[in-house]
Amino acid sequence: MSGFDWGAFAVVSLTSLLAIAVGMAVTATIGVRIKRHNVVDVSWGAGFVLIALVSAVVGSGDLWRRLLLLVLVAVWGLRLATHMAIRSRGKGEDPRYEELLGKATGNRTLYAVRKIYLTQGISLWFVSLPIQVAAVSSGTFGVLVALGTVLWLVGLTFEAVGDRQMEAFKSDPGSRGQIMDGGLWAWTRHPNYFGDACVWWGIFLISASVWPGVLTVLSPIAMTYFLVFATGARLLERHMSERPGYREYQQRTSYFIPRPPRRAPLSTPGG
């Protein structure tokens, strides 16, 4: 721990905060102008790419580690940002933000800045701590780096394939009014969120391969909490729970961690 350059980390962290502040300010300006705050979902993935880029440029640790994390975060973040931009194009405000802004008692714009953009910016900084620490760390390419990269790849696959399968399902006129329960969606009700969690646990392992990266464990825990309990799976399930067939889908399909689907219960005579 004595060999860790806390001064260099402070420079990376403060520069990342500045980049986040600028990014969120631009995003908020766009959101207010188009009257649709779900634009922040596009900047979520892009924000991590910006932090990884800043960390790679300003950091003083192993060049290969900085470049590895930049590539991994860029592939994940740019794919997610593009996906969210396409998904929201031509549509109105996300119901999550409509519900949140409905609680505003004063100026809705200031309320949105505080509750959406400021909260998102702080979350970006905290979840990205493994990237920031790794940017000023030095060490060899070990088992944890390899395991982290593999876990990242598993996560990216789940997220990308899950999103693609859902897009194909929604674009099929014959699926209208039905519940998507094929492909990865038969193994978990949220393959994209599960994949997202794996991506960030993989990034954490790469950072944890060199001390004090292991101390950033609260970052992937926070991301997993967001995905499972806060703004991710639980909130989506609340909106989906009343759709015909969704209750049955919940009974046979794992909530988050993938597993083979349960068989439908056999009907009994007179049952």
C-alpha atoms as a PDB file:
ATOM      1  CA  MET A   1       0.000   0.000   0.000  1.00  0.00           C
ATOM      2  CA  SER A   2       2.954   2.308   0.668  1.00  0.00           C
ATOM      3  CA  GLY A   3       3.952   1.994  -2.995  1.00  0.00           C
ATOM      4  CA  PHE A   4       0.630   3.337  -4.246  1.00  0.00           C
ATOM      5  CA  ASP A   5       0.808   6.893  -5.557  1.00  0.00           C
ATOM      6  CA  TRP A   6      -2.153   8.573  -3.862  1.00  0.00           C
ATOM      7  CA  GLY A   7      -1.240  11.905  -5.418  1.00  0.00           C
ATOM      8  CA  ALA A   8      -1.491  10.455  -8.916  1.00  0.00           C
ATOM      9  CA  PHE A   9      -4.808   8.840  -7.976  1.00  0.00           C
ATOM     10  CA  ALA A  10      -6.126  12.206  -6.765  1.00  0.00           C
ATOM     11  CA  VAL A  11      -5.239  13.753 -10.126  1.00  0.00           C
ATOM     12  CA  VAL A  12      -7.044  10.975 -12.025  1.00  0.00           C
ATOM     13  CA  SER A  13     -10.060  11.112  -9.738  1.00  0.00           C
ATOM     14  CA  LEU A  14     -10.431  14.893  -9.820  1.00  0.00           C
ATOM     15  CA  THR A  15      -9.979  14.958 -13.595  1.00  0.00           C
ATOM     16  CA  SER A  16     -12.640  12.258 -13.901  1.00  0.00           C
ATOM     17  CA  LEU A  17     -15.007  14.322 -11.741  1.00  0.00           C
ATOM     18  CA  LEU A  18     -14.431  17.335 -13.976  1.00  0.00           C
ATOM     19  CA  ALA A  19     -15.104  15.256 -17.103  1.00  0.00           C
ATOM     20  CA  ILE A  20     -18.295  13.877 -15.547  1.00  0.00           C
ATOM     21  CA  ALA A  21     -19.466  17.376 -14.582  1.00  0.00           C
ATOM     22  CA  VAL A  22     -18.979  18.635 -18.136  1.00  0.00           C
ATOM     23  CA  GLY A  23     -20.639  15.549 -19.614  1.00  0.00           C
ATOM     24  CA  MET A  24     -23.658  15.801 -17.319  1.00  0.00           C
ATOM     25  CA  ALA A  25     -23.999  19.542 -17.941  1.00  0.00           C
ATOM     26  CA  VAL A  26     -24.111  18.928 -21.691  1.00  0.00           C
ATOM     27  CA  THR A  27     -26.560  16.063 -21.232  1.00  0.00           C
ATOM     28  CA  ALA A  28     -28.836  18.142 -18.978  1.00  0.00           C
ATOM     29  CA  THR A  29     -28.832  20.981 -21.511  1.00  0.00           C
ATOM     30  CA  ILE A  30     -29.893  18.586 -24.250  1.00  0.00           C
ATOM     31  CA  GLY A  31     -32.520  16.976 -22.008  1.00  0.00           C
ATOM     32  CA  VAL A  32     -34.094  20.321 -21.117  1.00  0.00           C
ATOM     33  CA  ARG A  33     -34.063  21.443 -24.739  1.00  0.00           C
ATOM     34  CA  ILE A  34     -35.749  18.320 -26.130  1.00  0.00           C
ATOM     35  CA  LYS A  35     -37.944  17.968 -23.012  1.00  0.00           C
ATOM     36  CA  ARG A  36     -36.896  14.350 -22.552  1.00  0.00           C
ATOM     37  CA  HIS A  37     -34.572  13.456 -19.698  1.00  0.00           C
ATOM     38  CA  ASN A  38     -34.075   9.828 -20.695  1.00  0.00           C
ATOM     39  CA  VAL A  39     -31.216  11.171 -22.806  1.00  0.00           C
ATOM     40  CA  VAL A  40     -29.208  10.595 -19.622  1.00  0.00           C
ATOM     41  CA  ASP A  41     -29.438   6.848 -20.318  1.00  0.00           C
ATOM     42  CA  VAL A  42     -27.329   7.402 -23.436  1.00  0.00           C
ATOM     43  CA  SER A  43     -24.711   9.350 -21.479  1.00  0.00           C
ATOM     44  CA  TRP A  44     -24.482   6.562 -18.854  1.00  0.00           C
ATOM     45  CA  GLY A  45     -22.427   4.248 -21.054  1.00  0.00           C
ATOM     46  CA  ALA A  46     -20.649   7.139 -22.769  1.00  0.00           C
ATOM     47  CA  GLY A  47     -19.728   8.608 -19.383  1.00  0.00           C
ATOM     48  CA  PHE A  48     -17.764   5.514 -18.401  1.00  0.00           C
ATOM     49  CA  VAL A  49     -15.920   5.636 -21.716  1.00  0.00           C
ATOM     50  CA  LEU A  50     -14.993   9.251 -20.994  1.00  0.00           C
ATOM     51  CA  ILE A  51     -13.681   8.301 -17.536  1.00  0.00           C
ATOM     52  CA  ALA A  52     -11.672   5.391 -18.953  1.00  0.00           C
ATOM     53  CA  LEU A  53     -10.182   7.706 -21.579  1.00  0.00           C
ATOM     54  CA  VAL A  54      -9.270  10.339 -18.997  1.00  0.00           C
ATOM     55  CA  SER A  55      -7.771   7.679 -16.722  1.00  0.00           C
ATOM     56  CA  ALA A  56      -5.726   6.214 -19.567  1.00  0.00           C
ATOM     57  CA  VAL A  57      -4.338   9.621 -20.536  1.00  0.00           C
ATOM     58  CA  VAL A  58      -3.744  11.099 -17.067  1.00  0.00           C
ATOM     59  CA  GLY A  59      -2.851   7.863 -15.246  1.00  0.00           C
ATOM     60  CA  SER A  60       0.729   6.889 -14.471  1.00  0.00           C
ATOM     61  CA  GLY A  61       0.331   3.129 -13.962  1.00  0.00           C
ATOM     62  CA  ASP A  62       0.995   0.247 -16.345  1.00  0.00           C
ATOM     63  CA  LEU A  63       0.270   1.367 -19.900  1.00  0.00           C
ATOM     64  CA  TRP A  64      -1.066  -2.067 -20.855  1.00  0.00           C
ATOM     65  CA  ARG A  65      -3.535  -2.020 -17.944  1.00  0.00           C
ATOM     66  CA  ARG A  66      -4.787   1.465 -18.813  1.00  0.00           C
ATOM     67  CA  LEU A  67      -5.202   0.520 -22.471  1.00  0.00           C
ATOM     68  CA  LEU A  68      -6.864  -2.806 -21.626  1.00  0.00           C
ATOM     69  CA  LEU A  69      -9.480  -1.119 -19.443  1.00  0.00           C
ATOM     70  CA  LEU A  70      -9.989   1.637 -22.001  1.00  0.00           C
ATOM     71  CA  VAL A  71     -10.718  -0.936 -24.710  1.00  0.00           C
ATOM     72  CA  LEU A  72     -13.017  -3.031 -22.500  1.00  0.00           C
ATOM     73  CA  VAL A  73     -14.973  -0.039 -21.219  1.00  0.00           C
ATOM     74  CA  ALA A  74     -15.153   1.572 -24.665  1.00  0.00           C
ATOM     75  CA  VAL A  75     -16.543  -1.571 -26.319  1.00  0.00           C
ATOM     76  CA  TRP A  76     -19.130  -1.993 -23.570  1.00  0.00           C
ATOM     77  CA  GLY A  77     -20.012   1.685 -23.129  1.00  0.00           C
ATOM     78  CA  LEU A  78     -20.277   2.670 -26.789  1.00  0.00           C
ATOM     79  CA  ARG A  79     -22.430  -0.377 -27.548  1.00  0.00           C
ATOM     80  CA  LEU A  80     -24.738   0.475 -24.659  1.00  0.00           C
ATOM     81  CA  ALA A  81     -24.935   4.174 -25.550  1.00  0.00           C
ATOM     82  CA  THR A  82     -25.757   3.344 -29.167  1.00  0.00           C
ATOM     83  CA  HIS A  83     -28.376   0.810 -28.104  1.00  0.00           C
ATOM     84  CA  MET A  84     -30.068   3.281 -25.750  1.00  0.00           C
ATOM     85  CA  ALA A  85     -30.022   6.046 -28.379  1.00  0.00           C
ATOM     86  CA  ILE A  86     -31.684   3.806 -30.964  1.00  0.00           C
ATOM     87  CA  ARG A  87     -34.214   2.458 -28.469  1.00  0.00           C
ATOM     88  CA  SER A  88     -35.344   5.905 -27.327  1.00  0.00           C
ATOM     89  CA  ARG A  89     -35.342   7.569 -30.747  1.00  0.00           C
ATOM     90  CA  GLY A  90     -38.735   8.962 -31.689  1.00  0.00           C
ATOM     91  CA  LYS A  91     -40.293   8.065 -28.342  1.00  0.00           C
ATOM     92  CA  GLY A  92     -41.456  10.112 -25.398  1.00  0.00           C
ATOM     93  CA  GLU A  93     -40.130  10.319 -21.867  1.00  0.00           C
ATOM     94  CA  ASP A  94     -39.259   7.139 -19.996  1.00  0.00           C
ATOM     95  CA  PRO A  95     -42.002   6.231 -17.445  1.00  0.00           C
ATOM     96  CA  ARG A  96     -39.332   6.085 -14.718  1.00  0.00           C
ATOM     97  CA  TYR A  97     -38.472   9.740 -15.175  1.00  0.00           C
ATOM     98  CA  GLU A  98     -42.118  10.735 -15.599  1.00  0.00           C
ATOM     99  CA  GLU A  99     -42.836   9.147 -12.232  1.00  0.00           C
ATOM    100  CA  LEU A 100     -39.815  10.789 -10.636  1.00  0.00           C
ATOM    101  CA  LEU A 101     -40.546  14.250 -12.015  1.00  0.00           C
ATOM    102  CA  GLY A 102     -44.152  13.912 -10.914  1.00  0.00           C
ATOM    103  CA  LYS A 103     -42.856  14.292  -7.357  1.00  0.00           C
ATOM    104  CA  ALA A 104     -41.324  17.708  -8.058  1.00  0.00           C
ATOM    105  CA  THR A 105     -42.773  20.442  -5.847  1.00  0.00           C
ATOM    106  CA  GLY A 106     -40.869  23.369  -7.329  1.00  0.00           C
ATOM    107  CA  ASN A 107     -38.952  24.020 -10.527  1.00  0.00           C
ATOM    108  CA  ARG A 108     -39.005  20.774 -12.533  1.00  0.00           C
ATOM    109  CA  THR A 109     -35.745  21.570 -14.312  1.00  0.00           C
ATOM    110  CA  LEU A 110     -33.815  22.104 -11.086  1.00  0.00           C
ATOM    111  CA  TYR A 111     -35.456  19.013  -9.647  1.00  0.00           C
ATOM    112  CA  ALA A 112     -34.368  16.990 -12.703  1.00  0.00           C
ATOM    113  CA  VAL A 113     -30.805  18.306 -12.433  1.00  0.00           C
ATOM    114  CA  ARG A 114     -30.622  17.292  -8.783  1.00  0.00           C
ATOM    115  CA  LYS A 115     -32.453  13.984  -8.895  1.00  0.00           C
ATOM    116  CA  ILE A 116     -31.363  12.689 -12.314  1.00  0.00           C
ATOM    117  CA  TYR A 117     -28.153  14.288 -13.563  1.00  0.00           C
ATOM    118  CA  LEU A 118     -26.375  14.913 -10.267  1.00  0.00           C
ATOM    119  CA  THR A 119     -27.293  11.454  -8.980  1.00  0.00           C
ATOM    120  CA  GLN A 120     -26.149   9.852 -12.227  1.00  0.00           C
ATOM    121  CA  GLY A 121     -22.886  11.787 -12.174  1.00  0.00           C
ATOM    122  CA  ILE A 122     -22.037  10.727  -8.620  1.00  0.00           C
ATOM    123  CA  SER A 123     -22.894   7.121  -9.489  1.00  0.00           C
ATOM    124  CA  LEU A 124     -20.635   7.274 -12.557  1.00  0.00           C
ATOM    125  CA  TRP A 125     -17.703   8.449 -10.458  1.00  0.00           C
ATOM    126  CA  PHE A 126     -18.210   5.888  -7.696  1.00  0.00           C
ATOM    127  CA  VAL A 127     -18.760   2.857  -9.950  1.00  0.00           C
ATOM    128  CA  SER A 128     -15.705   3.824 -12.025  1.00  0.00           C
ATOM    129  CA  LEU A 129     -13.327   3.807  -9.038  1.00  0.00           C
ATOM    130  CA  PRO A 130     -11.741   0.474 -10.140  1.00  0.00           C
ATOM    131  CA  ILE A 131     -10.793   2.127 -13.435  1.00  0.00           C
ATOM    132  CA  GLN A 132      -9.338   5.150 -11.666  1.00  0.00           C
ATOM    133  CA  VAL A 133      -7.299   3.074  -9.207  1.00  0.00           C
ATOM    134  CA  ALA A 134      -6.041   0.740 -11.932  1.00  0.00           C
ATOM    135  CA  ALA A 135      -4.862   3.745 -13.953  1.00  0.00           C
ATOM    136  CA  VAL A 136      -2.165   4.488 -11.346  1.00  0.00           C
ATOM    137  CA  SER A 137      -1.323   0.878 -10.423  1.00  0.00           C
ATOM    138  CA  SER A 138       1.576  -1.280 -11.588  1.00  0.00           C
ATOM    139  CA  GLY A 139       1.947  -5.047 -11.625  1.00  0.00           C
ATOM    140  CA  THR A 140       2.116  -8.137 -13.783  1.00  0.00           C
ATOM    141  CA  PHE A 141      -0.561  -9.691 -15.966  1.00  0.00           C
ATOM    142  CA  GLY A 142      -1.861 -12.348 -13.579  1.00  0.00           C
ATOM    143  CA  VAL A 143      -4.723 -14.760 -13.060  1.00  0.00           C
ATOM    144  CA  LEU A 144      -7.145 -12.095 -11.836  1.00  0.00           C
ATOM    145  CA  VAL A 145      -6.601 -10.018 -14.964  1.00  0.00           C
ATOM    146  CA  ALA A 146      -7.331 -13.049 -17.141  1.00  0.00           C
ATOM    147  CA  LEU A 147     -10.399 -14.013 -15.093  1.00  0.00           C
ATOM    148  CA  GLY A 148     -11.658 -10.446 -15.155  1.00  0.00           C
ATOM    149  CA  THR A 149     -11.316 -10.247 -18.925  1.00  0.00           C
ATOM    150  CA  VAL A 150     -13.166 -13.548 -19.368  1.00  0.00           C
ATOM    151  CA  LEU A 151     -15.943 -12.424 -17.015  1.00  0.00           C
ATOM    152  CA  TRP A 152     -16.197  -9.139 -18.945  1.00  0.00           C
ATOM    153  CA  LEU A 153     -16.583 -11.113 -22.173  1.00  0.00           C
ATOM    154  CA  VAL A 154     -19.309 -13.308 -20.659  1.00  0.00           C
ATOM    155  CA  GLY A 155     -21.118 -10.204 -19.455  1.00  0.00           C
ATOM    156  CA  LEU A 156     -20.850  -8.375 -22.772  1.00  0.00           C
ATOM    157  CA  THR A 157     -22.176 -11.455 -24.570  1.00  0.00           C
ATOM    158  CA  PHE A 158     -25.186 -11.758 -22.272  1.00  0.00           C
ATOM    159  CA  GLU A 159     -25.961  -8.058 -22.538  1.00  0.00           C
ATOM    160  CA  ALA A 160     -25.514  -7.702 -26.297  1.00  0.00           C
ATOM    161  CA  VAL A 161     -27.207 -10.969 -27.253  1.00  0.00           C
ATOM    162  CA  GLY A 162     -30.061 -10.343 -24.805  1.00  0.00           C
ATOM    163  CA  ASP A 163     -30.678  -6.885 -26.251  1.00  0.00           C
ATOM    164  CA  ARG A 164     -30.541  -8.205 -29.812  1.00  0.00           C
ATOM    165  CA  GLN A 165     -32.990 -11.008 -29.031  1.00  0.00           C
ATOM    166  CA  MET A 166     -35.406  -8.550 -27.430  1.00  0.00           C
ATOM    167  CA  GLU A 167     -35.154  -6.197 -30.423  1.00  0.00           C
ATOM    168  CA  ALA A 168     -35.953  -9.051 -32.812  1.00  0.00           C
ATOM    169  CA  PHE A 169     -38.891 -10.092 -30.630  1.00  0.00           C
ATOM    170  CA  LYS A 170     -40.380  -6.595 -30.495  1.00  0.00           C
ATOM    171  CA  SER A 171     -39.982  -6.094 -34.254  1.00  0.00           C
ATOM    172  CA  ASP A 172     -41.952  -9.276 -35.005  1.00  0.00           C
ATOM    173  CA  PRO A 173     -45.656  -8.406 -35.457  1.00  0.00           C
ATOM    174  CA  GLY A 174     -46.598 -11.922 -34.349  1.00  0.00           C
ATOM    175  CA  SER A 175     -45.128 -11.307 -30.893  1.00  0.00           C
ATOM    176  CA  ARG A 176     -47.423  -8.405 -30.090  1.00  0.00           C
ATOM    177  CA  GLY A 177     -49.079  -8.882 -26.706  1.00  0.00           C
ATOM    178  CA  GLN A 178     -46.778 -11.770 -25.800  1.00  0.00           C
ATOM    179  CA  ILE A 179     -43.963 -12.145 -23.274  1.00  0.00           C
ATOM    180  CA  MET A 180     -40.403 -12.669 -24.492  1.00  0.00           C
ATOM    181  CA  ASP A 181     -39.317 -15.994 -23.024  1.00  0.00           C
ATOM    182  CA  GLY A 182     -36.951 -17.386 -25.643  1.00  0.00           C
ATOM    183  CA  GLY A 183     -33.169 -17.462 -25.985  1.00  0.00           C
ATOM    184  CA  LEU A 184     -31.346 -16.033 -22.990  1.00  0.00           C
ATOM    185  CA  TRP A 185     -34.672 -14.680 -21.734  1.00  0.00           C
ATOM    186  CA  ALA A 186     -35.711 -18.252 -20.956  1.00  0.00           C
ATOM    187  CA  TRP A 187     -32.780 -18.582 -18.538  1.00  0.00           C
ATOM    188  CA  THR A 188     -33.056 -15.218 -16.781  1.00  0.00           C
ATOM    189  CA  ARG A 189     -35.690 -12.498 -16.885  1.00  0.00           C
ATOM    190  CA  HIS A 190     -32.935  -9.895 -17.181  1.00  0.00           C
ATOM    191  CA  PRO A 191     -29.989 -11.197 -19.258  1.00  0.00           C
ATOM    192  CA  ASN A 192     -28.929  -7.642 -20.146  1.00  0.00           C
ATOM    193  CA  TYR A 193     -28.743  -6.578 -16.503  1.00  0.00           C
ATOM    194  CA  PHE A 194     -26.982  -9.801 -15.515  1.00  0.00           C
ATOM    195  CA  GLY A 195     -24.459  -9.202 -18.285  1.00  0.00           C
ATOM    196  CA  ASP A 196     -23.960  -5.626 -17.145  1.00  0.00           C
ATOM    197  CA  ALA A 197     -23.152  -6.831 -13.617  1.00  0.00           C
ATOM    198  CA  CYS A 198     -20.645  -9.375 -14.960  1.00  0.00           C
ATOM    199  CA  VAL A 199     -18.913  -6.653 -16.987  1.00  0.00           C
ATOM    200  CA  TRP A 200     -18.293  -4.549 -13.896  1.00  0.00           C
ATOM    201  CA  TRP A 201     -17.240  -7.439 -11.705  1.00  0.00           C
ATOM    202  CA  GLY A 202     -14.760  -8.319 -14.451  1.00  0.00           C
ATOM    203  CA  ILE A 203     -13.400  -4.780 -14.494  1.00  0.00           C
ATOM    204  CA  PHE A 204     -13.118  -4.923 -10.714  1.00  0.00           C
ATOM    205  CA  LEU A 205     -11.060  -8.140 -10.875  1.00  0.00           C
ATOM    206  CA  ILE A 206      -8.617  -6.489 -13.267  1.00  0.00           C
ATOM    207  CA  SER A 207      -8.222  -3.612 -10.828  1.00  0.00           C
ATOM    208  CA  ALA A 208      -8.062  -5.940  -7.799  1.00  0.00           C
ATOM    209  CA  SER A 209      -5.088  -7.776  -9.300  1.00  0.00           C
ATOM    210  CA  VAL A 210      -2.895  -4.964  -7.920  1.00  0.00           C
ATOM    211  CA  TRP A 211      -3.188  -3.436  -4.445  1.00  0.00           C
ATOM    212  CA  PRO A 212      -5.212  -1.436  -3.459  1.00  0.00           C
ATOM    213  CA  GLY A 213      -7.660  -2.246  -6.256  1.00  0.00           C
ATOM    214  CA  VAL A 214      -9.440  -4.774  -4.046  1.00  0.00           C
ATOM    215  CA  LEU A 215     -10.604  -1.870  -1.871  1.00  0.00           C
ATOM    216  CA  THR A 216     -12.888  -0.716  -4.716  1.00  0.00           C
ATOM    217  CA  VAL A 217     -15.165  -3.752  -4.219  1.00  0.00           C
ATOM    218  CA  LEU A 218     -18.050  -1.459  -3.209  1.00  0.00           C
ATOM    219  CA  SER A 219     -18.147  -0.148  -6.789  1.00  0.00           C
ATOM    220  CA  PRO A 220     -19.315  -3.397  -8.468  1.00  0.00           C
ATOM    221  CA  ILE A 221     -21.560  -4.017  -5.448  1.00  0.00           C
ATOM    222  CA  ALA A 222     -23.183  -0.628  -6.034  1.00  0.00           C
ATOM    223  CA  MET A 223     -23.599  -1.331  -9.761  1.00  0.00           C
ATOM    224  CA  THR A 224     -25.175  -4.702  -9.011  1.00  0.00           C
ATOM    225  CA  TYR A 225     -27.516  -3.047  -6.509  1.00  0.00           C
ATOM    226  CA  PHE A 226     -28.600  -0.509  -9.133  1.00  0.00           C
ATOM    227  CA  LEU A 227     -29.228  -3.267 -11.665  1.00  0.00           C
ATOM    228  CA  VAL A 228     -31.111  -5.624  -9.345  1.00  0.00           C
ATOM    229  CA  PHE A 229     -32.890  -3.506  -6.771  1.00  0.00           C
ATOM    230  CA  ALA A 230     -32.880   0.180  -7.696  1.00  0.00           C
ATOM    231  CA  THR A 231     -33.348   1.459 -11.257  1.00  0.00           C
ATOM    232  CA  GLY A 232     -33.014  -1.865 -13.065  1.00  0.00           C
ATOM    233  CA  ALA A 233     -34.747  -5.206 -12.764  1.00  0.00           C
ATOM    234  CA  ARG A 234     -37.072  -4.525  -9.839  1.00  0.00           C
ATOM    235  CA  LEU A 235     -38.441  -1.310 -11.335  1.00  0.00           C
ATOM    236  CA  LEU A 236     -38.971  -2.978 -14.707  1.00  0.00           C
ATOM    237  CA  GLU A 237     -40.768  -5.897 -13.091  1.00  0.00           C
ATOM    238  CA  ARG A 238     -43.118  -3.511 -11.341  1.00  0.00           C
ATOM    239  CA  HIS A 239     -44.167  -2.106 -14.719  1.00  0.00           C
ATOM    240  CA  MET A 240     -44.422  -5.573 -16.305  1.00  0.00           C
ATOM    241  CA  SER A 241     -46.164  -7.464 -13.503  1.00  0.00           C
ATOM    242  CA  GLU A 242     -49.707  -6.771 -14.701  1.00  0.00           C
ATOM    243  CA  ARG A 243     -49.107  -7.808 -18.307  1.00  0.00           C
ATOM    244  CA  PRO A 244     -50.913 -11.040 -19.300  1.00  0.00           C
ATOM    245  CA  GLY A 245     -48.602 -14.032 -18.951  1.00  0.00           C
ATOM    246  CA  TYR A 246     -45.887 -12.274 -16.985  1.00  0.00           C
ATOM    247  CA  ARG A 247     -46.765 -13.919 -13.676  1.00  0.00           C
ATOM    248  CA  GLU A 248     -46.358 -17.348 -15.282  1.00  0.00           C
ATOM    249  CA  TYR A 249     -43.087 -16.212 -16.848  1.00  0.00           C
ATOM    250  CA  GLN A 250     -41.832 -15.178 -13.401  1.00  0.00           C
ATOM    251  CA  GLN A 251     -42.687 -18.592 -11.971  1.00  0.00           C
ATOM    252  CA  ARG A 252     -40.677 -20.551 -14.532  1.00  0.00           C
ATOM    253  CA  THR A 253     -37.745 -18.199 -15.165  1.00  0.00           C
ATOM    254  CA  SER A 254     -34.914 -17.120 -12.869  1.00  0.00           C
ATOM    255  CA  TYR A 255     -35.042 -13.513 -11.707  1.00  0.00           C
ATOM    256  CA  PHE A 256     -31.395 -12.592 -12.308  1.00  0.00           C
ATOM    257  CA  ILE A 257     -28.762 -15.350 -12.273  1.00  0.00           C
ATOM    258  CA  PRO A 258     -29.273 -17.636 -15.306  1.00  0.00           C
ATOM    259  CA  ARG A 259     -30.488 -21.207 -14.808  1.00  0.00           C
ATOM    260  CA  PRO A 260     -32.526 -23.662 -16.870  1.00  0.00           C
ATOM    261  CA  PRO A 261     -36.224 -22.684 -16.914  1.00  0.00           C
ATOM    262  CA  ARG A 262     -38.597 -24.563 -14.649  1.00  0.00           C
ATOM    263  CA  ARG A 263     -41.107 -26.819 -16.301  1.00  0.00           C
ATOM    264  CA  ALA A 264     -44.697 -25.695 -16.245  1.00  0.00           C
ATOM    265  CA  PRO A 265     -46.654 -27.510 -13.518  1.00  0.00           C
ATOM    266  CA  LEU A 266     -48.601 -30.488 -14.770  1.00  0.00           C
ATOM    267  CA  SER A 267     -52.353 -30.136 -14.583  1.00  0.00           C
ATOM    268  CA  THR A 268     -54.177 -32.642 -12.411  1.00  0.00           C
ATOM    269  CA  PRO A 269     -57.646 -34.093 -12.973  1.00  0.00           C
ATOM    270  CA  GLY A 270     -60.203 -31.678 -11.606  1.00  0.00           C
ATOM    271  CA  GLY A 271     -57.411 -29.135 -10.914  1.00  0.00           C
END
